[in-house]
ModelCIF file with pLDDT and N, C-alpha, C, O atoms, coordinates in Angstrom:
data_MODEL
#
_entry.id   MODEL 
#
_entity.id                         1 
_entity.type                       polymer 
_entity.pdbx_number_of_molecules   1 
#
_entity_poly.entity_id                      1 
_entity_poly.type                           'polypeptide(L)' 
_entity_poly.nstd_linkage                   no 
_entity_poly.nstd_monomer                   no 
_entity_poly.pdbx_seq_one_letter_code       SHREREKFVDIMRQDILDVLEYEAFDELKDIFDKYNRVNYAEYIADAE 
_entity_poly.pdbx_seq_one_letter_code_can   SHREREKFVDIMRQDILDVLEYEAFDELKDIFDKYNRVNYAEYIADAE 
_entity_poly.pdbx_strand_id                 A 
#
loop_
_entity_poly_seq.entity_id 
_entity_poly_seq.num 
_entity_poly_seq.mon_id 
_entity_poly_seq.hetero 
1 1  SER n 
1 2  HIS n 
1 3  ARG n 
1 4  GLU n 
1 5  ARG n 
1 6  GLU n 
1 7  LYS n 
1 8  PHE n 
1 9  VAL n 
1 10 ASP n 
1 11 ILE n 
1 12 MET n 
1 13 ARG n 
1 14 GLN n 
1 15 ASP n 
1 16 ILE n 
1 17 LEU n 
1 18 ASP n 
1 19 VAL n 
1 20 LEU n 
1 21 GLU n 
1 22 TYR n 
1 23 GLU n 
1 24 ALA n 
1 25 PHE n 
1 26 ASP n 
1 27 GLU n 
1 28 LEU n 
1 29 LYS n 
1 30 ASP n 
1 31 ILE n 
1 32 PHE n 
1 33 ASP n 
1 34 LYS n 
1 35 TYR n 
1 36 ASN n 
1 37 ARG n 
1 38 VAL n 
1 39 ASN n 
1 40 TYR n 
1 41 ALA n 
1 42 GLU n 
1 43 TYR n 
1 44 ILE n 
1 45 ALA n 
1 46 ASP n 
1 47 ALA n 
1 48 GLU n 
#
_struct_asym.id          A 
_struct_asym.entity_id   1 
#
loop_
_ma_qa_metric.id 
_ma_qa_metric.mode 
_ma_qa_metric.name 
_ma_qa_metric.software_group_id 
_ma_qa_metric.type 
1 global pLDDT . pLDDT 
2 local  pLDDT . pLDDT 
#
_ma_qa_metric_global.metric_id      1 
_ma_qa_metric_global.metric_value   91.88 
_ma_qa_metric_global.model_id       1 
_ma_qa_metric_global.ordinal_id     1 
#
loop_
_ma_qa_metric_local.label_asym_id 
_ma_qa_metric_local.label_comp_id 
_ma_qa_metric_local.label_seq_id 
_ma_qa_metric_local.metric_id 
_ma_qa_metric_local.metric_value 
_ma_qa_metric_local.model_id 
_ma_qa_metric_local.ordinal_id 
A SER 1  2 95.00 1 1  
A HIS 2  2 95.00 1 2  
A ARG 3  2 94.00 1 3  
A GLU 4  2 95.00 1 4  
A ARG 5  2 95.00 1 5  
A GLU 6  2 94.00 1 6  
A LYS 7  2 94.00 1 7  
A PHE 8  2 95.00 1 8  
A VAL 9  2 94.00 1 9  
A ASP 10 2 93.00 1 10 
A ILE 11 2 92.00 1 11 
A MET 12 2 93.00 1 12 
A ARG 13 2 92.00 1 13 
A GLN 14 2 92.00 1 14 
A ASP 15 2 94.00 1 15 
A ILE 16 2 95.00 1 16 
A LEU 17 2 93.00 1 17 
A ASP 18 2 93.00 1 18 
A VAL 19 2 95.00 1 19 
A LEU 20 2 94.00 1 20 
A GLU 21 2 91.00 1 21 
A TYR 22 2 92.00 1 22 
A GLU 23 2 93.00 1 23 
A ALA 24 2 90.00 1 24 
A PHE 25 2 94.00 1 25 
A ASP 26 2 93.00 1 26 
A GLU 27 2 92.00 1 27 
A LEU 28 2 94.00 1 28 
A LYS 29 2 93.00 1 29 
A ASP 30 2 91.00 1 30 
A ILE 31 2 93.00 1 31 
A PHE 32 2 93.00 1 32 
A ASP 33 2 92.00 1 33 
A LYS 34 2 91.00 1 34 
A TYR 35 2 92.00 1 35 
A ASN 36 2 90.00 1 36 
A ARG 37 2 86.00 1 37 
A VAL 38 2 87.00 1 38 
A ASN 39 2 89.00 1 39 
A TYR 40 2 91.00 1 40 
A ALA 41 2 90.00 1 41 
A GLU 42 2 90.00 1 42 
A TYR 43 2 89.00 1 43 
A ILE 44 2 89.00 1 44 
A ALA 45 2 88.00 1 45 
A ASP 46 2 88.00 1 46 
A ALA 47 2 86.00 1 47 
A GLU 48 2 86.00 1 48 
#
loop_
_atom_site.group_PDB 
_atom_site.id 
_atom_site.type_symbol 
_atom_site.label_atom_id 
_atom_site.label_alt_id 
_atom_site.label_comp_id 
_atom_site.label_asym_id 
_atom_site.label_entity_id 
_atom_site.label_seq_id 
_atom_site.pdbx_PDB_ins_code 
_atom_site.Cartn_x 
_atom_site.Cartn_y 
_atom_site.Cartn_z 
_atom_site.occupancy 
_atom_site.B_iso_or_equiv 
_atom_site.pdbx_formal_charge 
_atom_site.auth_seq_id 
_atom_site.auth_comp_id 
_atom_site.auth_asym_id 
_atom_site.auth_atom_id 
_atom_site.pdbx_PDB_model_num 
ATOM 1   N N  . SER A 1 1  ? -27.897 -47.937 -6.406  1.00 95.00 ? 1  SER A N  1 
ATOM 2   C CA . SER A 1 1  ? -27.260 -48.069 -5.102  1.00 95.00 ? 1  SER A CA 1 
ATOM 3   C C  . SER A 1 1  ? -26.443 -46.819 -4.805  1.00 95.00 ? 1  SER A C  1 
ATOM 4   O O  . SER A 1 1  ? -26.228 -45.982 -5.681  1.00 95.00 ? 1  SER A O  1 
ATOM 5   N N  . HIS A 1 2  ? -25.992 -46.703 -3.568  1.00 95.00 ? 2  HIS A N  1 
ATOM 6   C CA . HIS A 1 2  ? -25.188 -45.520 -3.190  1.00 95.00 ? 2  HIS A CA 1 
ATOM 7   C C  . HIS A 1 2  ? -23.919 -45.438 -4.044  1.00 95.00 ? 2  HIS A C  1 
ATOM 8   O O  . HIS A 1 2  ? -23.555 -44.360 -4.514  1.00 95.00 ? 2  HIS A O  1 
ATOM 9   N N  . ARG A 1 3  ? -23.266 -46.545 -4.238  1.00 94.00 ? 3  ARG A N  1 
ATOM 10  C CA . ARG A 1 3  ? -22.038 -46.565 -5.036  1.00 94.00 ? 3  ARG A CA 1 
ATOM 11  C C  . ARG A 1 3  ? -22.333 -46.217 -6.493  1.00 94.00 ? 3  ARG A C  1 
ATOM 12  O O  . ARG A 1 3  ? -21.584 -45.466 -7.118  1.00 94.00 ? 3  ARG A O  1 
ATOM 13  N N  . GLU A 1 4  ? -23.422 -46.763 -7.034  1.00 95.00 ? 4  GLU A N  1 
ATOM 14  C CA . GLU A 1 4  ? -23.807 -46.454 -8.415  1.00 95.00 ? 4  GLU A CA 1 
ATOM 15  C C  . GLU A 1 4  ? -24.173 -44.981 -8.549  1.00 95.00 ? 4  GLU A C  1 
ATOM 16  O O  . GLU A 1 4  ? -23.872 -44.354 -9.565  1.00 95.00 ? 4  GLU A O  1 
ATOM 17  N N  . ARG A 1 5  ? -24.808 -44.440 -7.547  1.00 95.00 ? 5  ARG A N  1 
ATOM 18  C CA . ARG A 1 5  ? -25.186 -43.027 -7.581  1.00 95.00 ? 5  ARG A CA 1 
ATOM 19  C C  . ARG A 1 5  ? -23.947 -42.135 -7.604  1.00 95.00 ? 5  ARG A C  1 
ATOM 20  O O  . ARG A 1 5  ? -23.909 -41.142 -8.331  1.00 95.00 ? 5  ARG A O  1 
ATOM 21  N N  . GLU A 1 6  ? -22.939 -42.486 -6.815  1.00 94.00 ? 6  GLU A N  1 
ATOM 22  C CA . GLU A 1 6  ? -21.708 -41.697 -6.787  1.00 94.00 ? 6  GLU A CA 1 
ATOM 23  C C  . GLU A 1 6  ? -21.023 -41.727 -8.164  1.00 94.00 ? 6  GLU A C  1 
ATOM 24  O O  . GLU A 1 6  ? -20.543 -40.710 -8.663  1.00 94.00 ? 6  GLU A O  1 
ATOM 25  N N  . LYS A 1 7  ? -20.997 -42.887 -8.734  1.00 94.00 ? 7  LYS A N  1 
ATOM 26  C CA . LYS A 1 7  ? -20.379 -43.008 -10.050 1.00 94.00 ? 7  LYS A CA 1 
ATOM 27  C C  . LYS A 1 7  ? -21.182 -42.230 -11.095 1.00 94.00 ? 7  LYS A C  1 
ATOM 28  O O  . LYS A 1 7  ? -20.607 -41.579 -11.967 1.00 94.00 ? 7  LYS A O  1 
ATOM 29  N N  . PHE A 1 8  ? -22.466 -42.299 -11.005 1.00 95.00 ? 8  PHE A N  1 
ATOM 30  C CA . PHE A 1 8  ? -23.356 -41.575 -11.921 1.00 95.00 ? 8  PHE A CA 1 
ATOM 31  C C  . PHE A 1 8  ? -23.064 -40.072 -11.853 1.00 95.00 ? 8  PHE A C  1 
ATOM 32  O O  . PHE A 1 8  ? -22.933 -39.415 -12.886 1.00 95.00 ? 8  PHE A O  1 
ATOM 33  N N  . VAL A 1 9  ? -22.964 -39.534 -10.642 1.00 94.00 ? 9  VAL A N  1 
ATOM 34  C CA . VAL A 1 9  ? -22.711 -38.097 -10.468 1.00 94.00 ? 9  VAL A CA 1 
ATOM 35  C C  . VAL A 1 9  ? -21.340 -37.712 -11.021 1.00 94.00 ? 9  VAL A C  1 
ATOM 36  O O  . VAL A 1 9  ? -21.194 -36.674 -11.667 1.00 94.00 ? 9  VAL A O  1 
ATOM 37  N N  . ASP A 1 10 ? -20.339 -38.552 -10.764 1.00 93.00 ? 10 ASP A N  1 
ATOM 38  C CA . ASP A 1 10 ? -18.994 -38.273 -11.305 1.00 93.00 ? 10 ASP A CA 1 
ATOM 39  C C  . ASP A 1 10 ? -19.013 -38.225 -12.828 1.00 93.00 ? 10 ASP A C  1 
ATOM 40  O O  . ASP A 1 10 ? -18.400 -37.351 -13.440 1.00 93.00 ? 10 ASP A O  1 
ATOM 41  N N  . ILE A 1 11 ? -19.722 -39.172 -13.430 1.00 92.00 ? 11 ILE A N  1 
ATOM 42  C CA . ILE A 1 11 ? -19.833 -39.201 -14.891 1.00 92.00 ? 11 ILE A CA 1 
ATOM 43  C C  . ILE A 1 11 ? -20.503 -37.930 -15.395 1.00 92.00 ? 11 ILE A C  1 
ATOM 44  O O  . ILE A 1 11 ? -20.028 -37.305 -16.343 1.00 92.00 ? 11 ILE A O  1 
ATOM 45  N N  . MET A 1 12 ? -21.592 -37.555 -14.767 1.00 93.00 ? 12 MET A N  1 
ATOM 46  C CA . MET A 1 12 ? -22.331 -36.366 -15.197 1.00 93.00 ? 12 MET A CA 1 
ATOM 47  C C  . MET A 1 12 ? -21.477 -35.112 -15.095 1.00 93.00 ? 12 MET A C  1 
ATOM 48  O O  . MET A 1 12 ? -21.477 -34.277 -16.000 1.00 93.00 ? 12 MET A O  1 
ATOM 49  N N  . ARG A 1 13 ? -20.750 -34.982 -13.994 1.00 92.00 ? 13 ARG A N  1 
ATOM 50  C CA . ARG A 1 13 ? -19.919 -33.792 -13.810 1.00 92.00 ? 13 ARG A CA 1 
ATOM 51  C C  . ARG A 1 13 ? -18.845 -33.679 -14.892 1.00 92.00 ? 13 ARG A C  1 
ATOM 52  O O  . ARG A 1 13 ? -18.669 -32.626 -15.506 1.00 92.00 ? 13 ARG A O  1 
ATOM 53  N N  . GLN A 1 14 ? -18.135 -34.778 -15.111 1.00 92.00 ? 14 GLN A N  1 
ATOM 54  C CA . GLN A 1 14 ? -17.011 -34.739 -16.048 1.00 92.00 ? 14 GLN A CA 1 
ATOM 55  C C  . GLN A 1 14 ? -17.483 -34.629 -17.487 1.00 92.00 ? 14 GLN A C  1 
ATOM 56  O O  . GLN A 1 14 ? -16.977 -33.804 -18.247 1.00 92.00 ? 14 GLN A O  1 
ATOM 57  N N  . ASP A 1 15 ? -18.441 -35.450 -17.862 1.00 94.00 ? 15 ASP A N  1 
ATOM 58  C CA . ASP A 1 15 ? -18.872 -35.463 -19.260 1.00 94.00 ? 15 ASP A CA 1 
ATOM 59  C C  . ASP A 1 15 ? -19.587 -34.177 -19.654 1.00 94.00 ? 15 ASP A C  1 
ATOM 60  O O  . ASP A 1 15 ? -19.461 -33.714 -20.787 1.00 94.00 ? 15 ASP A O  1 
ATOM 61  N N  . ILE A 1 16 ? -20.332 -33.605 -18.722 1.00 95.00 ? 16 ILE A N  1 
ATOM 62  C CA . ILE A 1 16 ? -20.997 -32.331 -19.029 1.00 95.00 ? 16 ILE A CA 1 
ATOM 63  C C  . ILE A 1 16 ? -19.961 -31.246 -19.287 1.00 95.00 ? 16 ILE A C  1 
ATOM 64  O O  . ILE A 1 16 ? -20.108 -30.443 -20.208 1.00 95.00 ? 16 ILE A O  1 
ATOM 65  N N  . LEU A 1 17 ? -18.912 -31.227 -18.469 1.00 93.00 ? 17 LEU A N  1 
ATOM 66  C CA . LEU A 1 17 ? -17.846 -30.233 -18.674 1.00 93.00 ? 17 LEU A CA 1 
ATOM 67  C C  . LEU A 1 17 ? -17.178 -30.423 -20.034 1.00 93.00 ? 17 LEU A C  1 
ATOM 68  O O  . LEU A 1 17 ? -16.898 -29.452 -20.737 1.00 93.00 ? 17 LEU A O  1 
ATOM 69  N N  . ASP A 1 18 ? -16.925 -31.677 -20.397 1.00 93.00 ? 18 ASP A N  1 
ATOM 70  C CA . ASP A 1 18 ? -16.280 -31.952 -21.688 1.00 93.00 ? 18 ASP A CA 1 
ATOM 71  C C  . ASP A 1 18 ? -17.117 -31.417 -22.838 1.00 93.00 ? 18 ASP A C  1 
ATOM 72  O O  . ASP A 1 18 ? -16.580 -30.838 -23.783 1.00 93.00 ? 18 ASP A O  1 
ATOM 73  N N  . VAL A 1 19 ? -18.415 -31.606 -22.765 1.00 95.00 ? 19 VAL A N  1 
ATOM 74  C CA . VAL A 1 19 ? -19.294 -31.132 -23.836 1.00 95.00 ? 19 VAL A CA 1 
ATOM 75  C C  . VAL A 1 19 ? -19.379 -29.609 -23.834 1.00 95.00 ? 19 VAL A C  1 
ATOM 76  O O  . VAL A 1 19 ? -19.339 -28.978 -24.890 1.00 95.00 ? 19 VAL A O  1 
ATOM 77  N N  . LEU A 1 20 ? -19.497 -29.021 -22.639 1.00 94.00 ? 20 LEU A N  1 
ATOM 78  C CA . LEU A 1 20 ? -19.628 -27.560 -22.546 1.00 94.00 ? 20 LEU A CA 1 
ATOM 79  C C  . LEU A 1 20 ? -18.364 -26.846 -23.013 1.00 94.00 ? 20 LEU A C  1 
ATOM 80  O O  . LEU A 1 20 ? -18.430 -25.699 -23.457 1.00 94.00 ? 20 LEU A O  1 
ATOM 81  N N  . GLU A 1 21 ? -17.208 -27.515 -22.917 1.00 91.00 ? 21 GLU A N  1 
ATOM 82  C CA . GLU A 1 21 ? -15.979 -26.913 -23.438 1.00 91.00 ? 21 GLU A CA 1 
ATOM 83  C C  . GLU A 1 21 ? -16.038 -26.796 -24.948 1.00 91.00 ? 21 GLU A C  1 
ATOM 84  O O  . GLU A 1 21 ? -15.412 -25.909 -25.529 1.00 91.00 ? 21 GLU A O  1 
ATOM 85  N N  . TYR A 1 22 ? -16.784 -27.680 -25.586 1.00 92.00 ? 22 TYR A N  1 
ATOM 86  C CA . TYR A 1 22 ? -16.924 -27.642 -27.045 1.00 92.00 ? 22 TYR A CA 1 
ATOM 87  C C  . TYR A 1 22 ? -18.021 -26.660 -27.454 1.00 92.00 ? 22 TYR A C  1 
ATOM 88  O O  . TYR A 1 22 ? -17.837 -25.849 -28.361 1.00 92.00 ? 22 TYR A O  1 
ATOM 89  N N  . GLU A 1 23 ? -19.168 -26.745 -26.767 1.00 93.00 ? 23 GLU A N  1 
ATOM 90  C CA . GLU A 1 23 ? -20.285 -25.840 -27.071 1.00 93.00 ? 23 GLU A CA 1 
ATOM 91  C C  . GLU A 1 23 ? -21.141 -25.665 -25.814 1.00 93.00 ? 23 GLU A C  1 
ATOM 92  O O  . GLU A 1 23 ? -21.484 -26.638 -25.142 1.00 93.00 ? 23 GLU A O  1 
ATOM 93  N N  . ALA A 1 24 ? -21.473 -24.433 -25.517 1.00 90.00 ? 24 ALA A N  1 
ATOM 94  C CA . ALA A 1 24 ? -22.197 -24.129 -24.268 1.00 90.00 ? 24 ALA A CA 1 
ATOM 95  C C  . ALA A 1 24 ? -23.705 -24.315 -24.458 1.00 90.00 ? 24 ALA A C  1 
ATOM 96  O O  . ALA A 1 24 ? -24.438 -23.344 -24.645 1.00 90.00 ? 24 ALA A O  1 
ATOM 97  N N  . PHE A 1 25 ? -24.158 -25.562 -24.408 1.00 94.00 ? 25 PHE A N  1 
ATOM 98  C CA . PHE A 1 25 ? -25.590 -25.856 -24.517 1.00 94.00 ? 25 PHE A CA 1 
ATOM 99  C C  . PHE A 1 25 ? -26.296 -25.410 -23.233 1.00 94.00 ? 25 PHE A C  1 
ATOM 100 O O  . PHE A 1 25 ? -25.882 -25.769 -22.130 1.00 94.00 ? 25 PHE A O  1 
ATOM 101 N N  . ASP A 1 26 ? -27.357 -24.631 -23.386 1.00 93.00 ? 26 ASP A N  1 
ATOM 102 C CA . ASP A 1 26 ? -28.080 -24.121 -22.212 1.00 93.00 ? 26 ASP A CA 1 
ATOM 103 C C  . ASP A 1 26 ? -28.667 -25.264 -21.383 1.00 93.00 ? 26 ASP A C  1 
ATOM 104 O O  . ASP A 1 26 ? -28.696 -25.190 -20.155 1.00 93.00 ? 26 ASP A O  1 
ATOM 105 N N  . GLU A 1 27 ? -29.139 -26.330 -22.061 1.00 92.00 ? 27 GLU A N  1 
ATOM 106 C CA . GLU A 1 27 ? -29.745 -27.438 -21.315 1.00 92.00 ? 27 GLU A CA 1 
ATOM 107 C C  . GLU A 1 27 ? -28.735 -28.089 -20.378 1.00 92.00 ? 27 GLU A C  1 
ATOM 108 O O  . GLU A 1 27 ? -29.081 -28.495 -19.269 1.00 92.00 ? 27 GLU A O  1 
ATOM 109 N N  . LEU A 1 28 ? -27.491 -28.185 -20.826 1.00 94.00 ? 28 LEU A N  1 
ATOM 110 C CA . LEU A 1 28 ? -26.470 -28.807 -19.992 1.00 94.00 ? 28 LEU A CA 1 
ATOM 111 C C  . LEU A 1 28 ? -26.008 -27.891 -18.874 1.00 94.00 ? 28 LEU A C  1 
ATOM 112 O O  . LEU A 1 28 ? -25.583 -28.366 -17.821 1.00 94.00 ? 28 LEU A O  1 
ATOM 113 N N  . LYS A 1 29 ? -26.083 -26.594 -19.085 1.00 93.00 ? 29 LYS A N  1 
ATOM 114 C CA . LYS A 1 29 ? -25.716 -25.656 -18.015 1.00 93.00 ? 29 LYS A CA 1 
ATOM 115 C C  . LYS A 1 29 ? -26.625 -25.882 -16.804 1.00 93.00 ? 29 LYS A C  1 
ATOM 116 O O  . LYS A 1 29 ? -26.176 -25.892 -15.658 1.00 93.00 ? 29 LYS A O  1 
ATOM 117 N N  . ASP A 1 30 ? -27.909 -26.062 -17.094 1.00 91.00 ? 30 ASP A N  1 
ATOM 118 C CA . ASP A 1 30 ? -28.860 -26.291 -15.996 1.00 91.00 ? 30 ASP A CA 1 
ATOM 119 C C  . ASP A 1 30 ? -28.551 -27.595 -15.266 1.00 91.00 ? 30 ASP A C  1 
ATOM 120 O O  . ASP A 1 30 ? -28.635 -27.655 -14.040 1.00 91.00 ? 30 ASP A O  1 
ATOM 121 N N  . ILE A 1 31 ? -28.191 -28.648 -16.019 1.00 93.00 ? 31 ILE A N  1 
ATOM 122 C CA . ILE A 1 31 ? -27.867 -29.929 -15.388 1.00 93.00 ? 31 ILE A CA 1 
ATOM 123 C C  . ILE A 1 31 ? -26.555 -29.820 -14.611 1.00 93.00 ? 31 ILE A C  1 
ATOM 124 O O  . ILE A 1 31 ? -26.410 -30.416 -13.544 1.00 93.00 ? 31 ILE A O  1 
ATOM 125 N N  . PHE A 1 32 ? -25.607 -29.062 -15.147 1.00 93.00 ? 32 PHE A N  1 
ATOM 126 C CA . PHE A 1 32 ? -24.341 -28.835 -14.450 1.00 93.00 ? 32 PHE A CA 1 
ATOM 127 C C  . PHE A 1 32 ? -24.602 -28.251 -13.061 1.00 93.00 ? 32 PHE A C  1 
ATOM 128 O O  . PHE A 1 32 ? -23.995 -28.672 -12.076 1.00 93.00 ? 32 PHE A O  1 
ATOM 129 N N  . ASP A 1 33 ? -25.505 -27.283 -12.996 1.00 92.00 ? 33 ASP A N  1 
ATOM 130 C CA . ASP A 1 33 ? -25.826 -26.642 -11.716 1.00 92.00 ? 33 ASP A CA 1 
ATOM 131 C C  . ASP A 1 33 ? -26.381 -27.654 -10.712 1.00 92.00 ? 33 ASP A C  1 
ATOM 132 O O  . ASP A 1 33 ? -26.171 -27.531 -9.505  1.00 92.00 ? 33 ASP A O  1 
ATOM 133 N N  . LYS A 1 34 ? -27.087 -28.650 -11.231 1.00 91.00 ? 34 LYS A N  1 
ATOM 134 C CA . LYS A 1 34 ? -27.710 -29.655 -10.357 1.00 91.00 ? 34 LYS A CA 1 
ATOM 135 C C  . LYS A 1 34 ? -26.662 -30.544 -9.677  1.00 91.00 ? 34 LYS A C  1 
ATOM 136 O O  . LYS A 1 34 ? -26.839 -30.939 -8.525  1.00 91.00 ? 34 LYS A O  1 
ATOM 137 N N  . TYR A 1 35 ? -25.581 -30.857 -10.382 1.00 92.00 ? 35 TYR A N  1 
ATOM 138 C CA . TYR A 1 35 ? -24.614 -31.832 -9.875  1.00 92.00 ? 35 TYR A CA 1 
ATOM 139 C C  . TYR A 1 35 ? -23.346 -31.198 -9.304  1.00 92.00 ? 35 TYR A C  1 
ATOM 140 O O  . TYR A 1 35 ? -22.444 -31.920 -8.880  1.00 92.00 ? 35 TYR A O  1 
ATOM 141 N N  . ASN A 1 36 ? -23.257 -29.891 -9.284  1.00 90.00 ? 36 ASN A N  1 
ATOM 142 C CA . ASN A 1 36 ? -22.065 -29.223 -8.765  1.00 90.00 ? 36 ASN A CA 1 
ATOM 143 C C  . ASN A 1 36 ? -22.437 -28.204 -7.688  1.00 90.00 ? 36 ASN A C  1 
ATOM 144 O O  . ASN A 1 36 ? -23.566 -27.718 -7.633  1.00 90.00 ? 36 ASN A O  1 
ATOM 145 N N  . ARG A 1 37 ? -21.484 -27.901 -6.854  1.00 86.00 ? 37 ARG A N  1 
ATOM 146 C CA . ARG A 1 37 ? -21.736 -26.982 -5.743  1.00 86.00 ? 37 ARG A CA 1 
ATOM 147 C C  . ARG A 1 37 ? -21.856 -25.539 -6.199  1.00 86.00 ? 37 ARG A C  1 
ATOM 148 O O  . ARG A 1 37 ? -22.453 -24.713 -5.509  1.00 86.00 ? 37 ARG A O  1 
ATOM 149 N N  . VAL A 1 38 ? -21.286 -25.230 -7.366  1.00 87.00 ? 38 VAL A N  1 
ATOM 150 C CA . VAL A 1 38 ? -21.424 -23.880 -7.930  1.00 87.00 ? 38 VAL A CA 1 
ATOM 151 C C  . VAL A 1 38 ? -22.144 -23.997 -9.259  1.00 87.00 ? 38 VAL A C  1 
ATOM 152 O O  . VAL A 1 38 ? -22.108 -25.041 -9.910  1.00 87.00 ? 38 VAL A O  1 
ATOM 153 N N  . ASN A 1 39 ? -22.806 -22.902 -9.659  1.00 89.00 ? 39 ASN A N  1 
ATOM 154 C CA . ASN A 1 39 ? -23.460 -22.947 -10.968 1.00 89.00 ? 39 ASN A CA 1 
ATOM 155 C C  . ASN A 1 39 ? -22.413 -22.720 -12.062 1.00 89.00 ? 39 ASN A C  1 
ATOM 156 O O  . ASN A 1 39 ? -21.266 -22.366 -11.786 1.00 89.00 ? 39 ASN A O  1 
ATOM 157 N N  . TYR A 1 40 ? -22.834 -22.931 -13.294 1.00 91.00 ? 40 TYR A N  1 
ATOM 158 C CA . TYR A 1 40 ? -21.877 -22.910 -14.404 1.00 91.00 ? 40 TYR A CA 1 
ATOM 159 C C  . TYR A 1 40 ? -21.217 -21.543 -14.571 1.00 91.00 ? 40 TYR A C  1 
ATOM 160 O O  . TYR A 1 40 ? -20.021 -21.460 -14.847 1.00 91.00 ? 40 TYR A O  1 
ATOM 161 N N  . ALA A 1 41 ? -21.985 -20.482 -14.406 1.00 90.00 ? 41 ALA A N  1 
ATOM 162 C CA . ALA A 1 41 ? -21.435 -19.129 -14.545 1.00 90.00 ? 41 ALA A CA 1 
ATOM 163 C C  . ALA A 1 41 ? -20.340 -18.890 -13.501 1.00 90.00 ? 41 ALA A C  1 
ATOM 164 O O  . ALA A 1 41 ? -19.298 -18.309 -13.805 1.00 90.00 ? 41 ALA A O  1 
ATOM 165 N N  . GLU A 1 42 ? -20.591 -19.346 -12.258 1.00 90.00 ? 42 GLU A N  1 
ATOM 166 C CA . GLU A 1 42 ? -19.585 -19.185 -11.200 1.00 90.00 ? 42 GLU A CA 1 
ATOM 167 C C  . GLU A 1 42 ? -18.357 -20.034 -11.484 1.00 90.00 ? 42 GLU A C  1 
ATOM 168 O O  . GLU A 1 42 ? -17.226 -19.618 -11.236 1.00 90.00 ? 42 GLU A O  1 
ATOM 169 N N  . TYR A 1 43 ? -18.598 -21.237 -12.013 1.00 89.00 ? 43 TYR A N  1 
ATOM 170 C CA . TYR A 1 43 ? -17.473 -22.123 -12.338 1.00 89.00 ? 43 TYR A CA 1 
ATOM 171 C C  . TYR A 1 43 ? -16.567 -21.485 -13.378 1.00 89.00 ? 43 TYR A C  1 
ATOM 172 O O  . TYR A 1 43 ? -15.346 -21.489 -13.223 1.00 89.00 ? 43 TYR A O  1 
ATOM 173 N N  . ILE A 1 44 ? -17.150 -20.939 -14.429 1.00 89.00 ? 44 ILE A N  1 
ATOM 174 C CA . ILE A 1 44 ? -16.364 -20.294 -15.491 1.00 89.00 ? 44 ILE A CA 1 
ATOM 175 C C  . ILE A 1 44 ? -15.616 -19.087 -14.944 1.00 89.00 ? 44 ILE A C  1 
ATOM 176 O O  . ILE A 1 44 ? -14.447 -18.871 -15.266 1.00 89.00 ? 44 ILE A O  1 
ATOM 177 N N  . ALA A 1 45 ? -16.305 -18.292 -14.104 1.00 88.00 ? 45 ALA A N  1 
ATOM 178 C CA . ALA A 1 45 ? -15.660 -17.111 -13.525 1.00 88.00 ? 45 ALA A CA 1 
ATOM 179 C C  . ALA A 1 45 ? -14.475 -17.528 -12.650 1.00 88.00 ? 45 ALA A C  1 
ATOM 180 O O  . ALA A 1 45 ? -13.418 -16.899 -12.689 1.00 88.00 ? 45 ALA A O  1 
ATOM 181 N N  . ASP A 1 46 ? -14.656 -18.588 -11.864 1.00 88.00 ? 46 ASP A N  1 
ATOM 182 C CA . ASP A 1 46 ? -13.559 -19.079 -11.012 1.00 88.00 ? 46 ASP A CA 1 
ATOM 183 C C  . ASP A 1 46 ? -12.392 -19.605 -11.853 1.00 88.00 ? 46 ASP A C  1 
ATOM 184 O O  . ASP A 1 46 ? -11.227 -19.364 -11.536 1.00 88.00 ? 46 ASP A O  1 
ATOM 185 N N  . ALA A 1 47 ? -12.724 -20.326 -12.928 1.00 86.00 ? 47 ALA A N  1 
ATOM 186 C CA . ALA A 1 47 ? -11.677 -20.877 -13.793 1.00 86.00 ? 47 ALA A CA 1 
ATOM 187 C C  . ALA A 1 47 ? -10.881 -19.759 -14.462 1.00 86.00 ? 47 ALA A C  1 
ATOM 188 O O  . ALA A 1 47 ? -9.656  -19.828 -14.561 1.00 86.00 ? 47 ALA A O  1 
ATOM 189 N N  . GLU A 1 48 ? -11.590 -18.730 -14.919 1.00 86.00 ? 48 GLU A N  1 
ATOM 190 C CA . GLU A 1 48 ? -10.913 -17.598 -15.558 1.00 86.00 ? 48 GLU A CA 1 
ATOM 191 C C  . GLU A 1 48 ? -10.051 -16.848 -14.554 1.00 86.00 ? 48 GLU A C  1 
ATOM 192 O O  . GLU A 1 48 ? -9.405  -15.863 -14.910 1.00 86.00 ? 48 GLU A O  1 
#
């Protein structure tokens, strides 16, 4: 459902970041790009 989809995306965004902070898995970087408005490289550059 629309509500379930929103929750799914929120989970993916947060949990992927938590894992990438521990280790930068390339597979998750690609998924991160799918669920966020910026790609992972841009996100890291903005955070820095």
